Amino acid sequence: MWIDTHCHLDFEPLKSNIDSVLTLCLKNKVTSIIVPSVKPNNINKVIELSREHQNCFYALGYHPLHVDDLNDSHLHQLEESIKKSNPIAIGEIGLDLFIQKDNLERQEYFLSKQLLIAKKYDLPVILHVRSAIDLVLKHLRKNKVRGGVAHAFNGSFQQANQFINMGFKLGFGGAMTYPRAKHLQNIARELPLHAIVLETDAPDMPPTWRREKGYNRPSEIKQIGNFFADLRGEDPLVIAENIRVNTHQVFPKLTELCT
């Protein structure tokens, strides 16, 4: 029983092949998939997709790479969508200083506003933290939320412990499967198991065995989980159960919706 805690099922080529993608998930015992929104015009898409497919669950938020297209009315739209629906988290939100740095103030503004929304509705957050971990942590200290997931974590042990102490889990996926990812593998091996969840970020971040295919799939979470189990010298079934517990712990609404 595997859970993919971060997958963009509404992105191509997954969207056009949704039935076969989800059938492959079931064959690989992937029983739950969390689908975060990234911008205003895909909020309804992730809601509808999750309502149509019982093993899919959605988070609502605006990705930092889309903030140049946002204004305060979009924050109002986000909050109205939260009131009318039942997201398990706020996300994907955060900061990205790898792609773009010249709009940092704008990125921080929308991160701060979305953290306040998460706090208001007592929802965990799914955080994008690329090349901006310390700055994201600074915002979390200022706007305390109930925890969540630091997506695609690739920081230090010190940064990992700061997230953990704030109630966060750390997301690991295909990036750790590459031979050169020694630092990431070491972190995934040495961190306490209770602090980790697994993710694909499909169709992005393909694991090494999918690199030539050009895109990732949520069904790959099983093989990513097996890689992670081997990395830690653990039984994959034990890892799968621990990851399931971790995921339900950080996303309590997932437990409600799965019963």
C-alpha atoms as a PDB file:
ATOM      1  CA  MET A   1       0.000   0.000   0.000  1.00  0.00           C
ATOM      2  CA  TRP A   2       1.905   3.044  -1.268  1.00  0.00           C
ATOM      3  CA  ILE A   3       0.944   6.720  -1.139  1.00  0.00           C
ATOM      4  CA  ASP A   4       2.199   9.364  -3.561  1.00  0.00           C
ATOM      5  CA  THR A   5       2.125  12.588  -1.563  1.00  0.00           C
ATOM      6  CA  HIS A   6       2.788  14.891  -4.531  1.00  0.00           C
ATOM      7  CA  CYS A   7       1.589  14.328  -8.083  1.00  0.00           C
ATOM      8  CA  HIS A   8       0.280  16.732 -10.740  1.00  0.00           C
ATOM      9  CA  LEU A   9      -2.264  14.419 -12.341  1.00  0.00           C
ATOM     10  CA  ASP A  10      -3.876  17.322 -14.164  1.00  0.00           C
ATOM     11  CA  PHE A  11      -0.661  17.936 -16.148  1.00  0.00           C
ATOM     12  CA  GLU A  12       0.076  16.351 -19.496  1.00  0.00           C
ATOM     13  CA  PRO A  13       0.787  13.618 -20.471  1.00  0.00           C
ATOM     14  CA  LEU A  14      -0.889  12.192 -17.341  1.00  0.00           C
ATOM     15  CA  LYS A  15      -4.190  14.006 -17.829  1.00  0.00           C
ATOM     16  CA  SER A  16      -4.847  12.595 -21.304  1.00  0.00           C
ATOM     17  CA  ASN A  17      -4.117   9.071 -20.093  1.00  0.00           C
ATOM     18  CA  ILE A  18      -5.684   9.311 -16.659  1.00  0.00           C
ATOM     19  CA  ASP A  19      -7.493   5.963 -16.731  1.00  0.00           C
ATOM     20  CA  SER A  20      -4.427   3.954 -17.737  1.00  0.00           C
ATOM     21  CA  VAL A  21      -2.251   5.956 -15.316  1.00  0.00           C
ATOM     22  CA  LEU A  22      -4.555   5.127 -12.393  1.00  0.00           C
ATOM     23  CA  THR A  23      -4.973   1.500 -13.471  1.00  0.00           C
ATOM     24  CA  LEU A  24      -1.196   1.143 -13.375  1.00  0.00           C
ATOM     25  CA  CYS A  25      -1.243   2.676  -9.892  1.00  0.00           C
ATOM     26  CA  LEU A  26      -3.656   0.020  -8.655  1.00  0.00           C
ATOM     27  CA  LYS A  27      -1.485  -2.727 -10.170  1.00  0.00           C
ATOM     28  CA  ASN A  28       1.435  -1.323  -8.195  1.00  0.00           C
ATOM     29  CA  LYS A  29      -0.613  -0.986  -4.977  1.00  0.00           C
ATOM     30  CA  VAL A  30      -0.571   2.808  -5.030  1.00  0.00           C
ATOM     31  CA  THR A  31      -3.774   3.461  -3.122  1.00  0.00           C
ATOM     32  CA  SER A  32      -3.699   7.247  -2.575  1.00  0.00           C
ATOM     33  CA  ILE A  33      -2.428  10.185  -4.624  1.00  0.00           C
ATOM     34  CA  ILE A  34      -2.299  13.793  -3.422  1.00  0.00           C
ATOM     35  CA  VAL A  35      -2.762  16.353  -6.202  1.00  0.00           C
ATOM     36  CA  PRO A  36      -1.793  19.968  -5.396  1.00  0.00           C
ATOM     37  CA  SER A  37      -2.922  22.945  -7.444  1.00  0.00           C
ATOM     38  CA  VAL A  38      -0.379  25.495  -8.653  1.00  0.00           C
ATOM     39  CA  LYS A  39      -2.365  28.448 -10.054  1.00  0.00           C
ATOM     40  CA  PRO A  40      -5.905  29.860 -10.130  1.00  0.00           C
ATOM     41  CA  ASN A  41      -7.029  28.191 -13.340  1.00  0.00           C
ATOM     42  CA  ASN A  42      -6.253  24.655 -12.197  1.00  0.00           C
ATOM     43  CA  ILE A  43      -7.974  24.806  -8.793  1.00  0.00           C
ATOM     44  CA  ASN A  44     -11.252  23.500 -10.195  1.00  0.00           C
ATOM     45  CA  LYS A  45      -9.372  20.935 -12.279  1.00  0.00           C
ATOM     46  CA  VAL A  46      -7.735  19.254  -9.281  1.00  0.00           C
ATOM     47  CA  ILE A  47     -11.010  19.353  -7.343  1.00  0.00           C
ATOM     48  CA  GLU A  48     -12.936  17.738 -10.191  1.00  0.00           C
ATOM     49  CA  LEU A  49     -10.240  15.159 -10.838  1.00  0.00           C
ATOM     50  CA  SER A  50     -10.188  14.132  -7.188  1.00  0.00           C
ATOM     51  CA  ARG A  51     -13.970  13.864  -7.062  1.00  0.00           C
ATOM     52  CA  GLU A  52     -13.992  11.668 -10.158  1.00  0.00           C
ATOM     53  CA  HIS A  53     -11.334   9.268  -8.851  1.00  0.00           C
ATOM     54  CA  GLN A  54     -11.713   7.944  -5.339  1.00  0.00           C
ATOM     55  CA  ASN A  55      -8.003   7.371  -4.715  1.00  0.00           C
ATOM     56  CA  CYS A  56      -7.110  11.020  -5.466  1.00  0.00           C
ATOM     57  CA  PHE A  57      -7.095  13.851  -2.915  1.00  0.00           C
ATOM     58  CA  TYR A  58      -6.363  17.519  -3.512  1.00  0.00           C
ATOM     59  CA  ALA A  59      -4.514  20.432  -1.977  1.00  0.00           C
ATOM     60  CA  LEU A  60      -5.177  24.047  -2.975  1.00  0.00           C
ATOM     61  CA  GLY A  61      -2.590  26.762  -3.370  1.00  0.00           C
ATOM     62  CA  TYR A  62      -0.437  28.868  -5.679  1.00  0.00           C
ATOM     63  CA  HIS A  63       3.084  27.839  -6.714  1.00  0.00           C
ATOM     64  CA  PRO A  64       5.830  30.478  -6.389  1.00  0.00           C
ATOM     65  CA  LEU A  65       6.619  30.298 -10.113  1.00  0.00           C
ATOM     66  CA  HIS A  66       3.155  31.665 -10.889  1.00  0.00           C
ATOM     67  CA  VAL A  67       3.088  34.650  -8.526  1.00  0.00           C
ATOM     68  CA  ASP A  68       3.690  37.218 -11.276  1.00  0.00           C
ATOM     69  CA  ASP A  69       0.198  36.408 -12.527  1.00  0.00           C
ATOM     70  CA  LEU A  70      -1.451  36.734  -9.100  1.00  0.00           C
ATOM     71  CA  ASN A  71      -3.188  39.547  -7.253  1.00  0.00           C
ATOM     72  CA  ASP A  72      -5.185  39.792  -4.041  1.00  0.00           C
ATOM     73  CA  SER A  73      -8.382  38.722  -5.780  1.00  0.00           C
ATOM     74  CA  HIS A  74      -6.782  35.342  -6.382  1.00  0.00           C
ATOM     75  CA  LEU A  75      -6.187  34.967  -2.664  1.00  0.00           C
ATOM     76  CA  HIS A  76      -9.889  35.626  -2.160  1.00  0.00           C
ATOM     77  CA  GLN A  77     -10.639  33.005  -4.817  1.00  0.00           C
ATOM     78  CA  LEU A  78      -8.418  30.519  -3.018  1.00  0.00           C
ATOM     79  CA  GLU A  79     -10.133  31.105   0.299  1.00  0.00           C
ATOM     80  CA  GLU A  80     -13.587  30.777  -1.263  1.00  0.00           C
ATOM     81  CA  SER A  81     -12.557  27.492  -2.843  1.00  0.00           C
ATOM     82  CA  ILE A  82     -11.363  26.233   0.529  1.00  0.00           C
ATOM     83  CA  LYS A  83     -14.671  27.160   2.146  1.00  0.00           C
ATOM     84  CA  LYS A  84     -16.706  25.404  -0.552  1.00  0.00           C
ATOM     85  CA  SER A  85     -14.597  22.256  -0.850  1.00  0.00           C
ATOM     86  CA  ASN A  86     -12.579  19.964   1.360  1.00  0.00           C
ATOM     87  CA  PRO A  87      -8.839  20.191   0.594  1.00  0.00           C
ATOM     88  CA  ILE A  88      -6.499  18.109   2.715  1.00  0.00           C
ATOM     89  CA  ALA A  89      -3.842  20.848   2.639  1.00  0.00           C
ATOM     90  CA  ILE A  90      -2.769  24.222   1.290  1.00  0.00           C
ATOM     91  CA  GLY A  91      -0.308  23.760  -1.528  1.00  0.00           C
ATOM     92  CA  GLU A  92       1.750  23.829  -3.535  1.00  0.00           C
ATOM     93  CA  ILE A  93       3.090  27.047  -2.025  1.00  0.00           C
ATOM     94  CA  GLY A  94       6.551  28.316  -1.160  1.00  0.00           C
ATOM     95  CA  LEU A  95       9.597  30.005  -2.636  1.00  0.00           C
ATOM     96  CA  ASP A  96      11.806  29.202  -5.635  1.00  0.00           C
ATOM     97  CA  LEU A  97      15.128  31.013  -5.992  1.00  0.00           C
ATOM     98  CA  PHE A  98      16.513  28.505  -8.501  1.00  0.00           C
ATOM     99  CA  ILE A  99      14.428  29.641 -11.473  1.00  0.00           C
ATOM    100  CA  GLN A 100      13.732  33.267 -10.592  1.00  0.00           C
ATOM    101  CA  LYS A 101      15.152  35.643  -7.994  1.00  0.00           C
ATOM    102  CA  ASP A 102      14.077  39.083  -9.194  1.00  0.00           C
ATOM    103  CA  ASN A 103      10.541  38.752  -7.811  1.00  0.00           C
ATOM    104  CA  LEU A 104      11.468  37.507  -4.346  1.00  0.00           C
ATOM    105  CA  GLU A 105       9.419  40.152  -2.556  1.00  0.00           C
ATOM    106  CA  ARG A 106       6.345  39.085  -4.516  1.00  0.00           C
ATOM    107  CA  GLN A 107       7.007  35.410  -3.826  1.00  0.00           C
ATOM    108  CA  GLU A 108       7.316  36.123  -0.113  1.00  0.00           C
ATOM    109  CA  TYR A 109       4.108  38.156  -0.098  1.00  0.00           C
ATOM    110  CA  PHE A 110       2.021  35.324  -1.522  1.00  0.00           C
ATOM    111  CA  LEU A 111       3.739  32.696   0.623  1.00  0.00           C
ATOM    112  CA  SER A 112       2.991  34.731   3.747  1.00  0.00           C
ATOM    113  CA  LYS A 113      -0.647  35.287   2.759  1.00  0.00           C
ATOM    114  CA  GLN A 114      -1.162  31.587   2.020  1.00  0.00           C
ATOM    115  CA  LEU A 115       0.422  30.562   5.311  1.00  0.00           C
ATOM    116  CA  LEU A 116      -2.072  32.825   7.061  1.00  0.00           C
ATOM    117  CA  ILE A 117      -4.900  31.103   5.174  1.00  0.00           C
ATOM    118  CA  ALA A 118      -3.523  27.704   6.211  1.00  0.00           C
ATOM    119  CA  LYS A 119      -3.399  28.873   9.806  1.00  0.00           C
ATOM    120  CA  LYS A 120      -6.931  30.261   9.638  1.00  0.00           C
ATOM    121  CA  TYR A 121      -8.365  26.950   8.420  1.00  0.00           C
ATOM    122  CA  ASP A 122      -5.970  24.799  10.457  1.00  0.00           C
ATOM    123  CA  LEU A 123      -4.637  23.025   7.367  1.00  0.00           C
ATOM    124  CA  PRO A 124      -1.159  21.604   6.779  1.00  0.00           C
ATOM    125  CA  VAL A 125       0.881  23.007   3.890  1.00  0.00           C
ATOM    126  CA  ILE A 126       2.789  21.462   0.993  1.00  0.00           C
ATOM    127  CA  LEU A 127       5.900  23.568   0.568  1.00  0.00           C
ATOM    128  CA  HIS A 128       8.054  24.215  -2.486  1.00  0.00           C
ATOM    129  CA  VAL A 129      11.476  25.147  -1.079  1.00  0.00           C
ATOM    130  CA  ARG A 130      13.940  25.014  -3.987  1.00  0.00           C
ATOM    131  CA  SER A 131      17.092  26.990  -3.215  1.00  0.00           C
ATOM    132  CA  ALA A 132      15.174  28.835  -0.494  1.00  0.00           C
ATOM    133  CA  ILE A 133      14.998  26.549   2.540  1.00  0.00           C
ATOM    134  CA  ASP A 134      16.304  28.999   5.142  1.00  0.00           C
ATOM    135  CA  LEU A 135      14.000  31.748   3.919  1.00  0.00           C
ATOM    136  CA  VAL A 136      10.983  29.422   3.966  1.00  0.00           C
ATOM    137  CA  LEU A 137      11.888  28.386   7.510  1.00  0.00           C
ATOM    138  CA  LYS A 138      12.004  32.064   8.468  1.00  0.00           C
ATOM    139  CA  HIS A 139       8.431  32.481   7.222  1.00  0.00           C
ATOM    140  CA  LEU A 140       7.309  29.378   9.108  1.00  0.00           C
ATOM    141  CA  ARG A 141       8.727  30.759  12.341  1.00  0.00           C
ATOM    142  CA  LYS A 142       6.757  33.961  11.753  1.00  0.00           C
ATOM    143  CA  ASN A 143       3.526  32.263  10.609  1.00  0.00           C
ATOM    144  CA  LYS A 144       3.199  29.028  12.543  1.00  0.00           C
ATOM    145  CA  VAL A 145       1.033  26.402  10.836  1.00  0.00           C
ATOM    146  CA  ARG A 146       0.103  22.863  11.833  1.00  0.00           C
ATOM    147  CA  GLY A 147       2.926  21.335   9.802  1.00  0.00           C
ATOM    148  CA  GLY A 148       2.910  19.724   6.389  1.00  0.00           C
ATOM    149  CA  VAL A 149       5.477  18.487   3.888  1.00  0.00           C
ATOM    150  CA  ALA A 150       8.688  20.083   2.644  1.00  0.00           C
ATOM    151  CA  HIS A 151       8.390  18.833  -0.932  1.00  0.00           C
ATOM    152  CA  ALA A 152      11.518  17.572  -2.742  1.00  0.00           C
ATOM    153  CA  PHE A 153      13.705  18.174   0.294  1.00  0.00           C
ATOM    154  CA  ASN A 154      17.411  18.508  -0.508  1.00  0.00           C
ATOM    155  CA  GLY A 155      18.791  20.467   2.409  1.00  0.00           C
ATOM    156  CA  SER A 156      21.056  19.767   5.351  1.00  0.00           C
ATOM    157  CA  PHE A 157      20.439  17.698   8.473  1.00  0.00           C
ATOM    158  CA  GLN A 158      20.179  20.940  10.447  1.00  0.00           C
ATOM    159  CA  GLN A 159      17.494  22.278   8.110  1.00  0.00           C
ATOM    160  CA  ALA A 160      15.705  18.925   8.171  1.00  0.00           C
ATOM    161  CA  ASN A 161      15.547  18.998  11.956  1.00  0.00           C
ATOM    162  CA  GLN A 162      14.110  22.507  11.925  1.00  0.00           C
ATOM    163  CA  PHE A 163      11.272  21.331   9.679  1.00  0.00           C
ATOM    164  CA  ILE A 164      10.719  18.237  11.824  1.00  0.00           C
ATOM    165  CA  ASN A 165      10.551  20.321  14.991  1.00  0.00           C
ATOM    166  CA  MET A 166       7.817  22.423  13.358  1.00  0.00           C
ATOM    167  CA  GLY A 167       5.703  19.344  12.645  1.00  0.00           C
ATOM    168  CA  PHE A 168       6.756  18.779   9.043  1.00  0.00           C
ATOM    169  CA  LYS A 169       7.575  15.644   7.102  1.00  0.00           C
ATOM    170  CA  LEU A 170      10.207  15.669   4.382  1.00  0.00           C
ATOM    171  CA  GLY A 171       9.329  14.532   0.866  1.00  0.00           C
ATOM    172  CA  PHE A 172      11.709  12.275  -1.066  1.00  0.00           C
ATOM    173  CA  GLY A 173      11.261  11.003  -4.607  1.00  0.00           C
ATOM    174  CA  GLY A 174      12.982  10.215  -7.857  1.00  0.00           C
ATOM    175  CA  ALA A 175      15.905  12.595  -7.294  1.00  0.00           C
ATOM    176  CA  MET A 176      17.416  10.279  -4.682  1.00  0.00           C
ATOM    177  CA  THR A 177      17.588   7.352  -7.147  1.00  0.00           C
ATOM    178  CA  TYR A 178      20.421   8.845  -9.222  1.00  0.00           C
ATOM    179  CA  PRO A 179      23.946   7.499  -8.595  1.00  0.00           C
ATOM    180  CA  ARG A 180      25.376  10.986  -8.032  1.00  0.00           C
ATOM    181  CA  ALA A 181      22.752  11.918  -5.419  1.00  0.00           C
ATOM    182  CA  LYS A 182      24.990  10.812  -2.546  1.00  0.00           C
ATOM    183  CA  HIS A 183      24.082  13.683  -0.220  1.00  0.00           C
ATOM    184  CA  LEU A 184      20.367  13.166  -0.763  1.00  0.00           C
ATOM    185  CA  GLN A 185      20.706   9.410  -0.285  1.00  0.00           C
ATOM    186  CA  ASN A 186      22.638   9.941   2.934  1.00  0.00           C
ATOM    187  CA  ILE A 187      19.933  12.240   4.323  1.00  0.00           C
ATOM    188  CA  ALA A 188      17.161   9.815   3.305  1.00  0.00           C
ATOM    189  CA  ARG A 189      19.071   6.972   4.953  1.00  0.00           C
ATOM    190  CA  GLU A 190      19.879   8.713   8.227  1.00  0.00           C
ATOM    191  CA  LEU A 191      16.795  10.788   9.029  1.00  0.00           C
ATOM    192  CA  PRO A 192      14.246   9.214  11.393  1.00  0.00           C
ATOM    193  CA  LEU A 193      11.711   7.220   9.406  1.00  0.00           C
ATOM    194  CA  HIS A 194       8.790   8.966  11.123  1.00  0.00           C
ATOM    195  CA  ALA A 195       9.850  12.233   9.435  1.00  0.00           C
ATOM    196  CA  ILE A 196       9.664  11.009   5.826  1.00  0.00           C
ATOM    197  CA  VAL A 197       7.011  10.720   3.121  1.00  0.00           C
ATOM    198  CA  LEU A 198       7.457   9.642  -0.495  1.00  0.00           C
ATOM    199  CA  GLU A 199       6.414  11.457  -3.657  1.00  0.00           C
ATOM    200  CA  THR A 200       6.827  11.399  -7.423  1.00  0.00           C
ATOM    201  CA  ASP A 201       6.069  15.014  -8.472  1.00  0.00           C
ATOM    202  CA  ALA A 202       4.866  13.335 -11.678  1.00  0.00           C
ATOM    203  CA  PRO A 203       5.069  14.100 -14.515  1.00  0.00           C
ATOM    204  CA  ASP A 204       8.258  15.846 -13.327  1.00  0.00           C
ATOM    205  CA  MET A 205      11.283  14.530 -11.415  1.00  0.00           C
ATOM    206  CA  PRO A 206      11.489  11.091 -13.081  1.00  0.00           C
ATOM    207  CA  PRO A 207      13.568   8.492 -11.236  1.00  0.00           C
ATOM    208  CA  THR A 208      16.666   7.195 -12.976  1.00  0.00           C
ATOM    209  CA  TRP A 209      14.841   4.298 -14.652  1.00  0.00           C
ATOM    210  CA  ARG A 210      12.302   6.710 -16.217  1.00  0.00           C
ATOM    211  CA  ARG A 211      14.784   9.352 -17.366  1.00  0.00           C
ATOM    212  CA  GLU A 212      14.808   8.176 -20.980  1.00  0.00           C
ATOM    213  CA  LYS A 213      10.997   8.089 -21.059  1.00  0.00           C
ATOM    214  CA  GLY A 214      10.848  11.829 -20.478  1.00  0.00           C
ATOM    215  CA  TYR A 215       8.166  11.932 -17.807  1.00  0.00           C
ATOM    216  CA  ASN A 216       7.278  10.447 -14.451  1.00  0.00           C
ATOM    217  CA  ARG A 217       4.169   8.520 -13.316  1.00  0.00           C
ATOM    218  CA  PRO A 218       2.557   8.130  -9.867  1.00  0.00           C
ATOM    219  CA  SER A 219       2.846   4.341 -10.151  1.00  0.00           C
ATOM    220  CA  GLU A 220       6.640   4.759  -9.858  1.00  0.00           C
ATOM    221  CA  ILE A 221       6.168   5.438  -6.145  1.00  0.00           C
ATOM    222  CA  LYS A 222       6.313   1.683  -5.508  1.00  0.00           C
ATOM    223  CA  GLN A 223       9.759   1.326  -7.081  1.00  0.00           C
ATOM    224  CA  ILE A 224      10.888   4.563  -5.420  1.00  0.00           C
ATOM    225  CA  GLY A 225       9.691   3.042  -2.141  1.00  0.00           C
ATOM    226  CA  ASN A 226      11.620  -0.152  -2.855  1.00  0.00           C
ATOM    227  CA  PHE A 227      14.738   1.911  -3.591  1.00  0.00           C
ATOM    228  CA  PHE A 228      14.246   3.807  -0.340  1.00  0.00           C
ATOM    229  CA  ALA A 229      13.774   0.544   1.586  1.00  0.00           C
ATOM    230  CA  ASP A 230      16.964  -0.894   0.106  1.00  0.00           C
ATOM    231  CA  LEU A 231      18.804   2.327   0.936  1.00  0.00           C
ATOM    232  CA  ARG A 232      17.827   1.929   4.590  1.00  0.00           C
ATOM    233  CA  GLY A 233      18.178  -1.857   4.697  1.00  0.00           C
ATOM    234  CA  GLU A 234      14.494  -2.307   5.526  1.00  0.00           C
ATOM    235  CA  ASP A 235      11.668  -4.546   4.337  1.00  0.00           C
ATOM    236  CA  PRO A 236       9.634  -2.646   1.675  1.00  0.00           C
ATOM    237  CA  LEU A 237       6.383  -3.725   3.375  1.00  0.00           C
ATOM    238  CA  VAL A 238       7.568  -2.179   6.645  1.00  0.00           C
ATOM    239  CA  ILE A 239       8.563   0.993   4.822  1.00  0.00           C
ATOM    240  CA  ALA A 240       5.212   1.180   3.020  1.00  0.00           C
ATOM    241  CA  GLU A 241       3.294   0.902   6.293  1.00  0.00           C
ATOM    242  CA  ASN A 242       5.456   3.513   8.004  1.00  0.00           C
ATOM    243  CA  ILE A 243       5.072   5.898   5.089  1.00  0.00           C
ATOM    244  CA  ARG A 244       1.301   5.364   5.177  1.00  0.00           C
ATOM    245  CA  VAL A 245       1.203   6.209   8.888  1.00  0.00           C
ATOM    246  CA  ASN A 246       3.418   9.270   8.377  1.00  0.00           C
ATOM    247  CA  THR A 247       1.249  10.555   5.550  1.00  0.00           C
ATOM    248  CA  HIS A 248      -2.008  10.158   7.449  1.00  0.00           C
ATOM    249  CA  GLN A 249      -0.417  11.800  10.463  1.00  0.00           C
ATOM    250  CA  VAL A 250       0.579  14.924   8.573  1.00  0.00           C
ATOM    251  CA  PHE A 251      -2.658  15.031   6.524  1.00  0.00           C
ATOM    252  CA  PRO A 252      -5.402  14.119   9.048  1.00  0.00           C
ATOM    253  CA  LYS A 253      -8.178  14.838   6.532  1.00  0.00           C
ATOM    254  CA  LEU A 254      -6.798  12.031   4.413  1.00  0.00           C
ATOM    255  CA  THR A 255      -7.740   9.604   7.168  1.00  0.00           C
ATOM    256  CA  GLU A 256     -11.273  11.036   7.327  1.00  0.00           C
ATOM    257  CA  LEU A 257     -11.721  10.762   3.562  1.00  0.00           C
ATOM    258  CA  CYS A 258     -10.329   7.244   3.331  1.00  0.00           C
ATOM    259  CA  THR A 259     -12.724   5.771   5.927  1.00  0.00           C
END
